[in-house]
């Protein structure tokens, strides 16, 4: 298990992406109208629409750990638009923690790496 990303709400995804790129030289990993994923400062930042996702931190786990955690929490595993899978659990103070897995070869990030020209 390792730290994966932090997710913060954004009123305007496109404007927020531009801001983080300008101020922190963030690399865009994914963007649509309601969500963006950026690489910066040695980790990732998700810009989220508050009506779709809670602000959260995320821990990367294996598919097996995710499945076990979902059973314990009594929740189904969600499949995400980028090919990742995850669940939200909550700490005693009500803070959201996402457990996220990146199934090998199934995410848009893995597919981009496979399609990228070798230099």
N, C-alpha and C. Protein backbone atom coordinates (compact mmCIF):
# COMPACT_ATOMS: atom_id res chain seq x y z
N UNK A 1 0.85 -1.16 0.00
CA UNK A 1 0.00 0.00 0.00
C UNK A 1 0.90 1.24 0.00
N UNK A 2 0.52 2.23 -0.81
CA UNK A 2 1.28 3.48 -0.84
C UNK A 2 0.35 4.65 -1.11
N UNK A 3 0.80 5.84 -0.73
CA UNK A 3 0.01 7.04 -0.99
C UNK A 3 -0.10 7.22 -2.49
N UNK A 4 -1.30 7.56 -2.99
CA UNK A 4 -1.50 7.72 -4.42
C UNK A 4 -1.81 9.16 -4.81
N UNK A 5 -2.83 9.76 -4.20
CA UNK A 5 -3.18 11.13 -4.56
C UNK A 5 -4.04 11.79 -3.49
N UNK A 6 -4.18 13.09 -3.64
CA UNK A 6 -5.13 13.86 -2.85
C UNK A 6 -6.12 14.46 -3.85
N UNK A 7 -7.38 14.54 -3.46
CA UNK A 7 -8.42 15.08 -4.33
C UNK A 7 -9.04 16.30 -3.67
N UNK A 8 -9.07 17.40 -4.43
CA UNK A 8 -9.64 18.64 -3.93
C UNK A 8 -10.76 19.11 -4.87
N UNK A 9 -11.78 19.76 -4.31
CA UNK A 9 -12.87 20.24 -5.15
C UNK A 9 -12.43 21.41 -6.03
N UNK A 10 -12.99 21.46 -7.22
CA UNK A 10 -12.72 22.54 -8.16
C UNK A 10 -14.04 23.00 -8.78
N UNK A 11 -14.29 24.30 -8.71
CA UNK A 11 -15.52 24.86 -9.30
C UNK A 11 -15.43 24.87 -10.82
N UNK A 12 -14.22 25.03 -11.36
CA UNK A 12 -13.99 25.06 -12.80
C UNK A 12 -12.77 24.20 -13.08
N UNK A 13 -13.00 23.00 -13.58
CA UNK A 13 -11.91 22.03 -13.79
C UNK A 13 -10.84 22.60 -14.72
N UNK A 14 -11.25 23.12 -15.88
CA UNK A 14 -10.28 23.62 -16.87
C UNK A 14 -9.44 24.76 -16.30
N UNK A 15 -10.07 25.70 -15.63
CA UNK A 15 -9.32 26.83 -15.06
C UNK A 15 -8.37 26.34 -13.97
N UNK A 16 -8.80 25.37 -13.18
CA UNK A 16 -7.93 24.83 -12.13
C UNK A 16 -6.74 24.08 -12.72
N UNK A 17 -6.97 23.33 -13.78
CA UNK A 17 -5.87 22.63 -14.45
C UNK A 17 -4.83 23.65 -14.92
N UNK A 18 -5.29 24.69 -15.59
CA UNK A 18 -4.37 25.72 -16.07
C UNK A 18 -3.59 26.35 -14.91
N UNK A 19 -4.26 26.62 -13.80
CA UNK A 19 -3.62 27.23 -12.65
C UNK A 19 -2.51 26.35 -12.10
N UNK A 20 -2.79 25.07 -11.92
CA UNK A 20 -1.77 24.15 -11.38
C UNK A 20 -0.63 23.94 -12.38
N UNK A 21 -0.94 23.94 -13.66
CA UNK A 21 0.12 23.81 -14.66
C UNK A 21 1.03 25.05 -14.63
N UNK A 22 0.44 26.23 -14.55
CA UNK A 22 1.22 27.47 -14.55
C UNK A 22 2.06 27.61 -13.28
N UNK A 23 1.44 27.39 -12.13
CA UNK A 23 2.13 27.62 -10.86
C UNK A 23 3.06 26.49 -10.41
N UNK A 24 2.77 25.26 -10.81
CA UNK A 24 3.53 24.12 -10.32
C UNK A 24 4.05 23.20 -11.43
N UNK A 25 3.90 23.64 -12.69
CA UNK A 25 4.36 22.84 -13.82
C UNK A 25 3.76 21.43 -13.79
N UNK A 26 2.51 21.34 -13.38
CA UNK A 26 1.83 20.05 -13.28
C UNK A 26 1.66 19.43 -14.67
N UNK A 27 1.82 18.12 -14.73
CA UNK A 27 1.63 17.37 -15.97
C UNK A 27 0.21 16.80 -15.97
N UNK A 28 -0.52 17.05 -17.03
CA UNK A 28 -1.89 16.56 -17.14
C UNK A 28 -1.90 15.07 -17.50
N UNK A 29 -2.54 14.27 -16.66
CA UNK A 29 -2.68 12.84 -16.92
C UNK A 29 -4.02 12.52 -17.55
N UNK A 30 -5.06 13.25 -17.12
CA UNK A 30 -6.42 13.02 -17.63
C UNK A 30 -7.26 14.25 -17.32
N UNK A 31 -8.19 14.58 -18.23
CA UNK A 31 -9.12 15.67 -17.97
C UNK A 31 -10.40 15.48 -18.77
N UNK A 32 -11.53 15.75 -18.10
CA UNK A 32 -12.80 15.91 -18.80
C UNK A 32 -13.52 17.07 -18.12
N UNK A 33 -14.79 17.24 -18.37
CA UNK A 33 -15.51 18.40 -17.83
C UNK A 33 -15.71 18.35 -16.32
N UNK A 34 -15.61 17.17 -15.73
CA UNK A 34 -15.94 17.04 -14.31
C UNK A 34 -14.80 16.53 -13.42
N UNK A 35 -13.64 16.27 -14.02
CA UNK A 35 -12.56 15.65 -13.26
C UNK A 35 -11.25 15.80 -14.00
N UNK A 36 -10.17 15.99 -13.28
CA UNK A 36 -8.83 16.02 -13.88
C UNK A 36 -7.84 15.35 -12.92
N UNK A 37 -6.79 14.81 -13.50
CA UNK A 37 -5.76 14.12 -12.75
C UNK A 37 -4.41 14.70 -13.18
N UNK A 38 -3.65 15.20 -12.24
CA UNK A 38 -2.38 15.86 -12.53
C UNK A 38 -1.24 15.17 -11.78
N UNK A 39 -0.06 15.19 -12.38
CA UNK A 39 1.16 14.72 -11.73
C UNK A 39 1.95 15.96 -11.34
N UNK A 40 2.31 16.07 -10.06
CA UNK A 40 3.10 17.23 -9.63
C UNK A 40 3.75 16.95 -8.28
N UNK A 41 4.91 17.52 -8.09
CA UNK A 41 5.58 17.41 -6.80
C UNK A 41 5.81 16.00 -6.33
N UNK A 42 5.99 15.07 -7.24
CA UNK A 42 6.26 13.69 -6.85
C UNK A 42 5.04 12.87 -6.51
N UNK A 43 3.84 13.42 -6.69
CA UNK A 43 2.61 12.68 -6.44
C UNK A 43 1.53 13.16 -7.40
N UNK A 44 0.30 12.77 -7.15
CA UNK A 44 -0.80 13.15 -8.04
C UNK A 44 -1.84 13.97 -7.29
N UNK A 45 -2.51 14.83 -8.06
CA UNK A 45 -3.59 15.66 -7.55
C UNK A 45 -4.80 15.44 -8.44
N UNK A 46 -5.93 15.13 -7.82
CA UNK A 46 -7.19 15.02 -8.55
C UNK A 46 -8.00 16.28 -8.28
N UNK A 47 -8.49 16.88 -9.36
CA UNK A 47 -9.41 18.01 -9.25
C UNK A 47 -10.79 17.44 -9.51
N UNK A 48 -11.68 17.59 -8.55
CA UNK A 48 -12.96 16.89 -8.61
C UNK A 48 -14.13 17.85 -8.56
N UNK A 49 -15.23 17.43 -9.16
CA UNK A 49 -16.50 18.13 -9.01
C UNK A 49 -17.12 17.62 -7.72
N UNK A 50 -17.42 18.52 -6.80
CA UNK A 50 -17.92 18.09 -5.48
C UNK A 50 -19.18 17.23 -5.54
N UNK A 51 -19.99 17.37 -6.57
CA UNK A 51 -21.21 16.57 -6.65
C UNK A 51 -20.93 15.14 -7.11
N UNK A 52 -19.70 14.85 -7.54
CA UNK A 52 -19.37 13.50 -8.00
C UNK A 52 -18.49 12.72 -7.03
N UNK A 53 -17.58 13.41 -6.37
CA UNK A 53 -16.62 12.74 -5.48
C UNK A 53 -16.43 13.56 -4.22
N UNK A 54 -16.19 12.92 -3.09
CA UNK A 54 -15.85 13.69 -1.90
C UNK A 54 -14.37 14.09 -1.94
N UNK A 55 -14.00 15.21 -1.32
CA UNK A 55 -12.57 15.46 -1.15
C UNK A 55 -11.98 14.28 -0.39
N UNK A 56 -10.77 13.85 -0.77
CA UNK A 56 -10.23 12.65 -0.15
C UNK A 56 -8.73 12.54 -0.36
N UNK A 57 -8.13 11.61 0.38
CA UNK A 57 -6.80 11.12 0.07
C UNK A 57 -7.00 9.71 -0.49
N UNK A 58 -6.01 9.25 -1.24
CA UNK A 58 -6.14 7.92 -1.83
C UNK A 58 -4.87 7.11 -1.60
N UNK A 59 -5.10 5.85 -1.31
CA UNK A 59 -4.02 4.89 -1.14
C UNK A 59 -4.11 3.86 -2.26
N UNK A 60 -3.00 3.60 -2.92
CA UNK A 60 -2.95 2.60 -3.98
C UNK A 60 -2.78 1.22 -3.36
N UNK A 61 -3.65 0.30 -3.77
CA UNK A 61 -3.62 -1.06 -3.24
C UNK A 61 -3.73 -2.05 -4.40
N UNK A 62 -3.44 -3.30 -4.12
CA UNK A 62 -3.61 -4.34 -5.13
C UNK A 62 -5.09 -4.66 -5.30
N UNK A 63 -5.43 -5.30 -6.40
CA UNK A 63 -6.81 -5.74 -6.62
C UNK A 63 -7.30 -6.62 -5.48
N UNK A 64 -6.42 -7.50 -5.00
CA UNK A 64 -6.79 -8.41 -3.92
C UNK A 64 -7.11 -7.65 -2.63
N UNK A 65 -6.27 -6.69 -2.28
CA UNK A 65 -6.50 -5.89 -1.07
C UNK A 65 -7.79 -5.09 -1.23
N UNK A 66 -8.02 -4.53 -2.42
CA UNK A 66 -9.25 -3.76 -2.67
C UNK A 66 -10.49 -4.64 -2.51
N UNK A 67 -10.45 -5.83 -3.08
CA UNK A 67 -11.58 -6.75 -2.98
C UNK A 67 -11.86 -7.12 -1.52
N UNK A 68 -10.80 -7.43 -0.78
CA UNK A 68 -10.97 -7.77 0.65
C UNK A 68 -11.53 -6.59 1.44
N UNK A 69 -11.02 -5.38 1.18
CA UNK A 69 -11.49 -4.19 1.89
C UNK A 69 -12.95 -3.90 1.56
N UNK A 70 -13.35 -4.13 0.32
CA UNK A 70 -14.73 -3.91 -0.09
C UNK A 70 -15.67 -4.88 0.64
N UNK A 71 -15.23 -6.13 0.78
CA UNK A 71 -16.04 -7.12 1.51
C UNK A 71 -16.20 -6.71 2.97
N UNK A 72 -15.10 -6.29 3.58
CA UNK A 72 -15.15 -5.86 4.99
C UNK A 72 -16.06 -4.66 5.16
N UNK A 73 -15.99 -3.71 4.21
CA UNK A 73 -16.79 -2.49 4.30
C UNK A 73 -18.23 -2.70 3.82
N UNK A 74 -18.49 -3.85 3.20
CA UNK A 74 -19.83 -4.12 2.68
C UNK A 74 -20.18 -3.22 1.50
N UNK A 75 -19.19 -2.91 0.67
CA UNK A 75 -19.38 -2.02 -0.47
C UNK A 75 -18.95 -2.71 -1.75
N UNK A 76 -19.60 -2.37 -2.86
CA UNK A 76 -19.13 -2.88 -4.14
C UNK A 76 -17.91 -2.09 -4.61
N UNK A 77 -17.06 -2.72 -5.38
CA UNK A 77 -15.91 -2.03 -5.98
C UNK A 77 -16.42 -1.25 -7.18
N UNK A 78 -16.09 0.04 -7.22
CA UNK A 78 -16.48 0.89 -8.34
C UNK A 78 -15.43 0.85 -9.43
N UNK A 79 -15.89 0.80 -10.69
CA UNK A 79 -14.99 0.92 -11.84
C UNK A 79 -15.03 2.37 -12.30
N UNK A 80 -13.85 2.97 -12.46
CA UNK A 80 -13.76 4.38 -12.81
C UNK A 80 -13.52 4.58 -14.31
N UNK A 81 -13.81 5.78 -14.79
CA UNK A 81 -13.69 6.11 -16.22
C UNK A 81 -12.28 5.96 -16.75
N UNK A 82 -11.27 6.02 -15.88
CA UNK A 82 -9.89 5.89 -16.34
C UNK A 82 -9.36 4.46 -16.25
N UNK A 83 -10.24 3.52 -15.88
CA UNK A 83 -9.85 2.12 -15.80
C UNK A 83 -9.41 1.67 -14.42
N UNK A 84 -9.29 2.61 -13.48
CA UNK A 84 -8.96 2.24 -12.11
C UNK A 84 -10.21 1.70 -11.42
N UNK A 85 -10.01 1.11 -10.27
CA UNK A 85 -11.12 0.60 -9.46
C UNK A 85 -10.92 1.09 -8.03
N UNK A 86 -12.01 1.29 -7.31
CA UNK A 86 -11.83 1.76 -5.95
C UNK A 86 -13.08 1.76 -5.11
N UNK A 87 -12.88 2.06 -3.84
CA UNK A 87 -13.97 2.28 -2.89
C UNK A 87 -13.56 3.43 -1.98
N UNK A 88 -14.56 4.07 -1.40
CA UNK A 88 -14.31 5.08 -0.38
C UNK A 88 -14.66 4.48 0.97
N UNK A 89 -13.76 4.70 1.92
CA UNK A 89 -14.03 4.37 3.30
C UNK A 89 -13.81 5.67 4.09
N UNK A 90 -14.27 5.70 5.32
CA UNK A 90 -14.21 6.95 6.09
C UNK A 90 -13.55 6.72 7.44
N UNK A 91 -12.65 7.65 7.81
CA UNK A 91 -11.99 7.54 9.10
C UNK A 91 -12.97 7.96 10.20
N UNK A 92 -12.60 7.81 11.47
CA UNK A 92 -13.52 8.14 12.56
C UNK A 92 -14.01 9.59 12.57
N UNK A 93 -13.27 10.49 11.91
CA UNK A 93 -13.69 11.90 11.84
C UNK A 93 -14.51 12.21 10.60
N UNK A 94 -14.77 11.18 9.79
CA UNK A 94 -15.59 11.38 8.60
C UNK A 94 -14.82 11.76 7.35
N UNK A 95 -13.48 11.73 7.41
CA UNK A 95 -12.67 12.03 6.23
C UNK A 95 -12.66 10.85 5.27
N UNK A 96 -12.83 11.15 3.99
CA UNK A 96 -12.86 10.09 2.98
C UNK A 96 -11.45 9.63 2.62
N UNK A 97 -11.29 8.32 2.54
CA UNK A 97 -10.05 7.70 2.08
C UNK A 97 -10.45 6.76 0.95
N UNK A 98 -9.86 6.98 -0.21
CA UNK A 98 -10.13 6.09 -1.34
C UNK A 98 -9.06 5.02 -1.38
N UNK A 99 -9.49 3.78 -1.51
CA UNK A 99 -8.58 2.68 -1.80
C UNK A 99 -8.72 2.45 -3.30
N UNK A 100 -7.61 2.59 -4.02
CA UNK A 100 -7.64 2.56 -5.48
C UNK A 100 -6.66 1.52 -6.01
N UNK A 101 -7.09 0.81 -7.05
CA UNK A 101 -6.18 -0.13 -7.71
C UNK A 101 -6.07 0.23 -9.18
N UNK A 102 -4.94 -0.07 -9.74
CA UNK A 102 -4.64 0.17 -11.15
C UNK A 102 -4.44 -1.20 -11.81
N UNK A 103 -5.53 -1.83 -12.26
CA UNK A 103 -5.39 -3.16 -12.86
C UNK A 103 -4.39 -3.13 -14.01
N UNK A 104 -3.39 -4.01 -14.00
CA UNK A 104 -2.35 -4.00 -15.04
C UNK A 104 -2.93 -4.03 -16.45
N UNK A 105 -2.51 -3.06 -17.27
CA UNK A 105 -2.93 -3.00 -18.67
C UNK A 105 -4.33 -2.50 -18.91
N UNK A 106 -5.09 -2.19 -17.85
CA UNK A 106 -6.50 -1.82 -18.03
C UNK A 106 -6.78 -0.32 -17.89
N UNK A 107 -5.82 0.44 -17.38
CA UNK A 107 -6.08 1.87 -17.19
C UNK A 107 -5.67 2.65 -18.43
N UNK A 108 -6.20 3.86 -18.56
CA UNK A 108 -5.81 4.69 -19.70
C UNK A 108 -4.33 5.05 -19.61
N UNK A 109 -3.78 5.08 -18.41
CA UNK A 109 -2.38 5.42 -18.23
C UNK A 109 -1.49 4.30 -18.76
N UNK A 110 -1.83 3.08 -18.47
CA UNK A 110 -1.07 1.92 -18.97
C UNK A 110 -1.18 1.83 -20.49
N UNK A 111 -2.37 2.09 -21.01
CA UNK A 111 -2.57 2.01 -22.47
C UNK A 111 -1.77 3.09 -23.18
N UNK A 112 -1.68 4.28 -22.60
CA UNK A 112 -0.86 5.35 -23.20
C UNK A 112 0.60 4.96 -23.22
N UNK A 113 1.08 4.34 -22.15
CA UNK A 113 2.48 3.92 -22.09
C UNK A 113 2.76 2.87 -23.15
N UNK A 114 1.81 1.96 -23.37
CA UNK A 114 1.99 0.90 -24.37
C UNK A 114 2.00 1.49 -25.77
N UNK A 115 1.21 2.56 -26.00
CA UNK A 115 1.11 3.16 -27.33
C UNK A 115 2.20 4.19 -27.61
N UNK A 116 2.88 4.65 -26.58
CA UNK A 116 3.89 5.70 -26.75
C UNK A 116 5.07 5.15 -27.54
N UNK A 117 5.57 5.98 -28.45
CA UNK A 117 6.75 5.53 -29.23
C UNK A 117 7.95 5.36 -28.31
N UNK A 118 8.70 4.32 -28.56
CA UNK A 118 9.91 4.04 -27.76
C UNK A 118 11.05 4.90 -28.31
N UNK A 119 11.71 5.60 -27.39
CA UNK A 119 12.82 6.49 -27.78
C UNK A 119 14.14 5.86 -27.43
